[in-house]
Amino acid sequence: MKEFDQLLNIENDTYESSKEKGINDGKRLGYVEGYQLGFDKGTELGQEIGYYQSCVTVWNHLVSNFNGTHKFSTRGIQNLEKLTKLLQDYHLDFNDENIMSTLSDIRMKFKLTSAQLGLQTKENDELSF
């Protein structure tokens, strides 16, 4: 009878073996896909922060060099200082739970500052956050 037990259980054994292989393959593929998604999103985040930082650098240069010939709003200059401080304090520490809320603050302050200073950005033409 023991000889037939193996034949009777072959379907169940094959099912269990295939299930285990599928779980292991799913874990491996999930890790690879998660890594790629994290890499892509991290790159996008870095590009966005870099764009804001470069705009702020140019704006600070414009304000310091052309404040006498061009009247920048006082509020715009104050918001530019706050935005500069936000960007200087922003660190890409992915263990920080407030990273996305701080990024949201930077986005809002960026829009406000560019509008108040009357400076054109590519964001005004192409992007909408």
N, C-alpha and C. Protein backbone atom coordinates (compact mmCIF):
# COMPACT_ATOMS: atom_id res chain seq x y z
N MET A 1 0.80 -1.20 0.00
CA MET A 1 0.00 0.00 0.00
C MET A 1 0.85 1.27 0.00
N LYS A 2 2.04 1.20 0.60
CA LYS A 2 2.90 2.36 0.65
C LYS A 2 3.34 2.80 -0.74
N GLU A 3 3.46 1.85 -1.66
CA GLU A 3 3.85 2.19 -3.02
C GLU A 3 2.81 3.08 -3.68
N PHE A 4 1.55 2.85 -3.38
CA PHE A 4 0.47 3.62 -3.99
C PHE A 4 0.25 4.98 -3.31
N ASP A 5 0.69 5.09 -2.06
CA ASP A 5 0.55 6.37 -1.35
C ASP A 5 1.33 7.47 -2.06
N GLN A 6 2.51 7.12 -2.56
CA GLN A 6 3.30 8.11 -3.29
C GLN A 6 2.57 8.55 -4.55
N LEU A 7 1.95 7.65 -5.24
CA LEU A 7 1.21 7.99 -6.46
C LEU A 7 -0.01 8.84 -6.14
N LEU A 8 -0.67 8.55 -5.05
CA LEU A 8 -1.86 9.30 -4.68
C LEU A 8 -1.50 10.73 -4.24
N ASN A 9 -0.35 10.90 -3.64
CA ASN A 9 0.05 12.22 -3.13
C ASN A 9 0.88 13.03 -4.13
N ILE A 10 1.12 12.50 -5.32
CA ILE A 10 1.98 13.20 -6.28
C ILE A 10 1.40 14.56 -6.69
N GLU A 11 0.08 14.63 -6.85
CA GLU A 11 -0.55 15.90 -7.22
C GLU A 11 -0.38 16.93 -6.11
N ASN A 12 -0.63 16.53 -4.88
CA ASN A 12 -0.48 17.44 -3.74
C ASN A 12 0.98 17.86 -3.55
N ASP A 13 1.91 16.91 -3.71
CA ASP A 13 3.33 17.24 -3.57
C ASP A 13 3.77 18.23 -4.65
N THR A 14 3.33 18.01 -5.87
CA THR A 14 3.67 18.92 -6.98
C THR A 14 3.09 20.30 -6.73
N TYR A 15 1.86 20.35 -6.25
CA TYR A 15 1.22 21.63 -5.94
C TYR A 15 2.00 22.39 -4.87
N GLU A 16 2.36 21.73 -3.80
CA GLU A 16 3.10 22.37 -2.70
C GLU A 16 4.48 22.84 -3.17
N SER A 17 5.15 22.01 -3.95
CA SER A 17 6.48 22.37 -4.45
C SER A 17 6.40 23.58 -5.38
N SER A 18 5.43 23.59 -6.26
CA SER A 18 5.25 24.71 -7.19
C SER A 18 4.86 25.99 -6.46
N LYS A 19 4.02 25.83 -5.45
CA LYS A 19 3.61 26.99 -4.66
C LYS A 19 4.81 27.62 -3.98
N GLU A 20 5.67 26.80 -3.39
CA GLU A 20 6.87 27.30 -2.71
C GLU A 20 7.81 28.01 -3.69
N LYS A 21 7.99 27.43 -4.88
CA LYS A 21 8.83 28.07 -5.90
C LYS A 21 8.23 29.40 -6.34
N GLY A 22 6.92 29.44 -6.49
CA GLY A 22 6.24 30.68 -6.89
C GLY A 22 6.39 31.78 -5.85
N ILE A 23 6.29 31.42 -4.60
CA ILE A 23 6.45 32.40 -3.51
C ILE A 23 7.87 32.96 -3.52
N ASN A 24 8.86 32.09 -3.67
CA ASN A 24 10.25 32.54 -3.70
C ASN A 24 10.53 33.44 -4.91
N ASP A 25 10.01 33.05 -6.08
CA ASP A 25 10.19 33.88 -7.27
C ASP A 25 9.49 35.23 -7.12
N GLY A 26 8.32 35.23 -6.52
CA GLY A 26 7.59 36.48 -6.29
C GLY A 26 8.33 37.42 -5.36
N LYS A 27 8.93 36.87 -4.32
CA LYS A 27 9.72 37.70 -3.40
C LYS A 27 10.92 38.31 -4.12
N ARG A 28 11.59 37.50 -4.92
CA ARG A 28 12.76 37.99 -5.64
C ARG A 28 12.37 39.08 -6.64
N LEU A 29 11.33 38.85 -7.41
CA LEU A 29 10.89 39.84 -8.39
C LEU A 29 10.35 41.09 -7.71
N GLY A 30 9.67 40.92 -6.59
CA GLY A 30 9.16 42.07 -5.85
C GLY A 30 10.29 42.95 -5.35
N TYR A 31 11.36 42.34 -4.92
CA TYR A 31 12.52 43.11 -4.45
C TYR A 31 13.13 43.89 -5.61
N VAL A 32 13.30 43.25 -6.76
CA VAL A 32 13.90 43.91 -7.92
C VAL A 32 13.02 45.06 -8.39
N GLU A 33 11.72 44.83 -8.49
CA GLU A 33 10.80 45.89 -8.93
C GLU A 33 10.74 47.02 -7.91
N GLY A 34 10.74 46.69 -6.64
CA GLY A 34 10.74 47.72 -5.59
C GLY A 34 12.00 48.55 -5.62
N TYR A 35 13.13 47.91 -5.86
CA TYR A 35 14.39 48.64 -5.95
C TYR A 35 14.35 49.60 -7.13
N GLN A 36 13.88 49.13 -8.28
CA GLN A 36 13.83 49.97 -9.48
C GLN A 36 12.87 51.15 -9.28
N LEU A 37 11.72 50.90 -8.68
CA LEU A 37 10.77 51.98 -8.42
C LEU A 37 11.37 53.00 -7.46
N GLY A 38 12.01 52.54 -6.41
CA GLY A 38 12.64 53.44 -5.46
C GLY A 38 13.74 54.26 -6.11
N PHE A 39 14.51 53.64 -6.98
CA PHE A 39 15.57 54.34 -7.69
C PHE A 39 14.99 55.43 -8.58
N ASP A 40 13.93 55.10 -9.33
CA ASP A 40 13.30 56.07 -10.22
C ASP A 40 12.70 57.24 -9.45
N LYS A 41 11.98 56.95 -8.38
CA LYS A 41 11.36 58.02 -7.59
C LYS A 41 12.42 58.88 -6.89
N GLY A 42 13.48 58.26 -6.43
CA GLY A 42 14.57 59.01 -5.81
C GLY A 42 15.24 59.95 -6.81
N THR A 43 15.39 59.49 -8.05
CA THR A 43 15.97 60.33 -9.09
C THR A 43 15.06 61.51 -9.39
N GLU A 44 13.76 61.26 -9.50
CA GLU A 44 12.81 62.35 -9.74
C GLU A 44 12.85 63.38 -8.61
N LEU A 45 12.90 62.89 -7.39
CA LEU A 45 12.95 63.78 -6.23
C LEU A 45 14.22 64.63 -6.24
N GLY A 46 15.34 64.00 -6.55
CA GLY A 46 16.60 64.72 -6.62
C GLY A 46 16.60 65.78 -7.72
N GLN A 47 16.01 65.45 -8.87
CA GLN A 47 15.92 66.43 -9.95
C GLN A 47 15.05 67.61 -9.56
N GLU A 48 13.95 67.34 -8.90
CA GLU A 48 13.05 68.41 -8.48
C GLU A 48 13.73 69.34 -7.48
N ILE A 49 14.38 68.76 -6.49
CA ILE A 49 15.08 69.58 -5.49
C ILE A 49 16.22 70.35 -6.14
N GLY A 50 16.92 69.72 -7.07
CA GLY A 50 18.00 70.40 -7.78
C GLY A 50 17.49 71.57 -8.60
N TYR A 51 16.32 71.41 -9.22
CA TYR A 51 15.72 72.49 -9.99
C TYR A 51 15.39 73.68 -9.08
N TYR A 52 14.76 73.39 -7.95
CA TYR A 52 14.42 74.46 -7.01
C TYR A 52 15.68 75.16 -6.50
N GLN A 53 16.69 74.37 -6.18
CA GLN A 53 17.93 74.94 -5.66
C GLN A 53 18.60 75.84 -6.70
N SER A 54 18.62 75.42 -7.95
CA SER A 54 19.25 76.24 -8.98
C SER A 54 18.47 77.52 -9.22
N CYS A 55 17.14 77.45 -9.21
CA CYS A 55 16.33 78.66 -9.37
C CYS A 55 16.58 79.63 -8.22
N VAL A 56 16.62 79.12 -7.02
CA VAL A 56 16.83 79.97 -5.84
C VAL A 56 18.22 80.62 -5.90
N THR A 57 19.21 79.88 -6.35
CA THR A 57 20.55 80.45 -6.48
C THR A 57 20.56 81.61 -7.47
N VAL A 58 19.91 81.43 -8.61
CA VAL A 58 19.83 82.49 -9.62
C VAL A 58 19.02 83.67 -9.08
N TRP A 59 17.91 83.39 -8.43
CA TRP A 59 17.07 84.48 -7.90
C TRP A 59 17.82 85.29 -6.86
N ASN A 60 18.54 84.62 -5.98
CA ASN A 60 19.33 85.35 -4.97
C ASN A 60 20.37 86.24 -5.65
N HIS A 61 20.97 85.73 -6.72
CA HIS A 61 21.94 86.53 -7.47
C HIS A 61 21.26 87.74 -8.10
N LEU A 62 20.10 87.53 -8.71
CA LEU A 62 19.37 88.64 -9.34
C LEU A 62 18.97 89.70 -8.31
N VAL A 63 18.46 89.25 -7.19
CA VAL A 63 18.02 90.19 -6.16
C VAL A 63 19.20 90.99 -5.62
N SER A 64 20.32 90.32 -5.39
CA SER A 64 21.46 91.04 -4.82
C SER A 64 22.10 92.00 -5.83
N ASN A 65 22.07 91.65 -7.12
CA ASN A 65 22.73 92.50 -8.12
C ASN A 65 21.82 93.54 -8.76
N PHE A 66 20.52 93.28 -8.81
CA PHE A 66 19.62 94.18 -9.54
C PHE A 66 18.53 94.79 -8.67
N ASN A 67 18.69 94.74 -7.36
CA ASN A 67 17.66 95.28 -6.48
C ASN A 67 17.55 96.80 -6.62
N GLY A 68 18.64 97.47 -6.99
CA GLY A 68 18.59 98.92 -7.16
C GLY A 68 17.88 99.34 -8.43
N THR A 69 18.04 98.56 -9.51
CA THR A 69 17.44 98.94 -10.79
C THR A 69 16.06 98.33 -10.99
N HIS A 70 15.79 97.25 -10.33
CA HIS A 70 14.49 96.59 -10.45
C HIS A 70 13.87 96.49 -9.06
N LYS A 71 12.65 96.90 -8.94
CA LYS A 71 11.99 96.89 -7.63
C LYS A 71 11.35 95.52 -7.39
N PHE A 72 12.01 94.71 -6.57
CA PHE A 72 11.45 93.43 -6.16
C PHE A 72 10.58 93.68 -4.93
N SER A 73 9.48 92.94 -4.84
CA SER A 73 8.60 93.13 -3.69
C SER A 73 9.28 92.67 -2.41
N THR A 74 8.97 93.37 -1.34
CA THR A 74 9.55 93.04 -0.04
C THR A 74 9.13 91.64 0.39
N ARG A 75 7.86 91.33 0.16
CA ARG A 75 7.37 89.99 0.51
C ARG A 75 8.07 88.91 -0.30
N GLY A 76 8.29 89.21 -1.58
CA GLY A 76 8.98 88.25 -2.43
C GLY A 76 10.38 87.96 -1.93
N ILE A 77 11.08 89.01 -1.52
CA ILE A 77 12.44 88.84 -0.99
C ILE A 77 12.42 88.06 0.32
N GLN A 78 11.44 88.36 1.18
CA GLN A 78 11.31 87.62 2.45
C GLN A 78 11.02 86.14 2.19
N ASN A 79 10.13 85.87 1.23
CA ASN A 79 9.82 84.48 0.91
C ASN A 79 11.01 83.78 0.26
N LEU A 80 11.80 84.52 -0.51
CA LEU A 80 13.00 83.95 -1.10
C LEU A 80 13.99 83.53 0.00
N GLU A 81 14.11 84.34 1.03
CA GLU A 81 14.98 83.99 2.15
C GLU A 81 14.46 82.74 2.87
N LYS A 82 13.15 82.67 3.05
CA LYS A 82 12.56 81.49 3.70
C LYS A 82 12.74 80.24 2.85
N LEU A 83 12.54 80.39 1.53
CA LEU A 83 12.72 79.26 0.62
C LEU A 83 14.17 78.80 0.62
N THR A 84 15.09 79.74 0.62
CA THR A 84 16.52 79.40 0.68
C THR A 84 16.81 78.61 1.94
N LYS A 85 16.26 79.03 3.06
CA LYS A 85 16.45 78.33 4.33
C LYS A 85 15.84 76.93 4.28
N LEU A 86 14.63 76.81 3.72
CA LEU A 86 13.99 75.50 3.59
C LEU A 86 14.86 74.54 2.79
N LEU A 87 15.40 75.02 1.68
CA LEU A 87 16.22 74.16 0.84
C LEU A 87 17.55 73.80 1.51
N GLN A 88 18.11 74.72 2.26
CA GLN A 88 19.36 74.42 2.96
C GLN A 88 19.14 73.39 4.06
N ASP A 89 17.99 73.42 4.69
CA ASP A 89 17.69 72.50 5.79
C ASP A 89 17.14 71.16 5.30
N TYR A 90 16.81 71.06 4.02
CA TYR A 90 16.21 69.84 3.47
C TYR A 90 17.29 68.80 3.22
N HIS A 91 17.15 67.66 3.85
CA HIS A 91 18.10 66.56 3.67
C HIS A 91 17.34 65.35 3.17
N LEU A 92 17.95 64.64 2.24
CA LEU A 92 17.31 63.45 1.69
C LEU A 92 17.53 62.26 2.61
N ASP A 93 16.91 62.33 3.76
CA ASP A 93 16.97 61.25 4.74
C ASP A 93 15.64 60.51 4.66
N PHE A 94 15.66 59.33 4.04
CA PHE A 94 14.41 58.63 3.78
C PHE A 94 13.84 57.96 5.02
N ASN A 95 14.53 58.06 6.13
CA ASN A 95 13.97 57.59 7.39
C ASN A 95 13.15 58.67 8.06
N ASP A 96 13.24 59.88 7.54
CA ASP A 96 12.48 61.01 8.08
C ASP A 96 11.04 60.92 7.58
N GLU A 97 10.10 60.93 8.49
CA GLU A 97 8.70 60.80 8.12
C GLU A 97 8.13 62.07 7.51
N ASN A 98 8.78 63.21 7.74
CA ASN A 98 8.27 64.49 7.27
C ASN A 98 8.86 64.91 5.94
N ILE A 99 9.55 64.03 5.25
CA ILE A 99 10.24 64.42 4.03
C ILE A 99 9.27 64.91 2.96
N MET A 100 8.12 64.27 2.82
CA MET A 100 7.17 64.68 1.79
C MET A 100 6.41 65.93 2.19
N SER A 101 6.13 66.12 3.46
CA SER A 101 5.45 67.36 3.87
C SER A 101 6.39 68.55 3.72
N THR A 102 7.67 68.35 3.99
CA THR A 102 8.64 69.43 3.79
C THR A 102 8.77 69.74 2.30
N LEU A 103 8.76 68.73 1.46
CA LEU A 103 8.80 68.95 0.01
C LEU A 103 7.58 69.71 -0.46
N SER A 104 6.43 69.40 0.11
CA SER A 104 5.21 70.13 -0.22
C SER A 104 5.33 71.60 0.18
N ASP A 105 5.92 71.86 1.34
CA ASP A 105 6.15 73.25 1.77
C ASP A 105 7.09 73.97 0.80
N ILE A 106 8.12 73.28 0.34
CA ILE A 106 9.06 73.88 -0.60
C ILE A 106 8.35 74.21 -1.91
N ARG A 107 7.51 73.29 -2.39
CA ARG A 107 6.77 73.53 -3.64
C ARG A 107 5.88 74.76 -3.52
N MET A 108 5.15 74.86 -2.42
CA MET A 108 4.25 76.02 -2.23
C MET A 108 5.04 77.31 -2.13
N LYS A 109 6.12 77.29 -1.36
CA LYS A 109 6.94 78.50 -1.18
C LYS A 109 7.60 78.89 -2.51
N PHE A 110 7.96 77.91 -3.32
CA PHE A 110 8.57 78.18 -4.63
C PHE A 110 7.58 78.90 -5.54
N LYS A 111 6.37 78.39 -5.62
CA LYS A 111 5.34 79.02 -6.46
C LYS A 111 5.05 80.44 -5.98
N LEU A 112 4.91 80.59 -4.69
CA LEU A 112 4.61 81.90 -4.11
C LEU A 112 5.74 82.89 -4.38
N THR A 113 6.96 82.46 -4.17
CA THR A 113 8.12 83.33 -4.36
C THR A 113 8.26 83.74 -5.82
N SER A 114 8.12 82.80 -6.74
CA SER A 114 8.27 83.15 -8.16
C SER A 114 7.19 84.12 -8.60
N ALA A 115 5.98 83.96 -8.07
CA ALA A 115 4.90 84.89 -8.42
C ALA A 115 5.16 86.27 -7.82
N GLN A 116 5.59 86.32 -6.57
CA GLN A 116 5.80 87.61 -5.92
C GLN A 116 7.00 88.36 -6.49
N LEU A 117 8.01 87.64 -6.93
CA LEU A 117 9.17 88.30 -7.52
C LEU A 117 8.96 88.60 -9.00
N GLY A 118 7.90 88.03 -9.58
CA GLY A 118 7.61 88.26 -10.99
C GLY A 118 8.62 87.60 -11.91
N LEU A 119 9.14 86.45 -11.50
CA LEU A 119 10.15 85.75 -12.29
C LEU A 119 9.52 84.55 -12.97
N GLN A 120 9.85 84.37 -14.23
CA GLN A 120 9.30 83.27 -15.03
C GLN A 120 10.07 81.99 -14.73
N THR A 121 9.34 80.90 -14.58
CA THR A 121 9.98 79.59 -14.40
C THR A 121 9.39 78.63 -15.40
N LYS A 122 10.11 77.56 -15.67
CA LYS A 122 9.57 76.55 -16.59
C LYS A 122 8.36 75.88 -15.97
N GLU A 123 8.31 75.89 -14.64
CA GLU A 123 7.18 75.28 -13.94
C GLU A 123 5.87 75.97 -14.32
N ASN A 124 5.92 77.26 -14.50
CA ASN A 124 4.71 78.01 -14.86
C ASN A 124 4.18 77.58 -16.21
N ASP A 125 5.08 77.12 -17.09
CA ASP A 125 4.67 76.74 -18.43
C ASP A 125 4.35 75.26 -18.56
N GLU A 126 5.10 74.41 -17.87
CA GLU A 126 5.02 72.98 -18.12
C GLU A 126 4.46 72.15 -16.98
N LEU A 127 4.88 72.44 -15.77
CA LEU A 127 4.57 71.57 -14.65
C LEU A 127 3.38 72.06 -13.85
N SER A 128 2.67 71.12 -13.28
CA SER A 128 1.61 71.50 -12.34
C SER A 128 1.63 70.50 -11.20
N PHE A 129 2.00 70.96 -10.03
CA PHE A 129 2.06 70.08 -8.86
C PHE A 129 0.78 70.19 -8.09
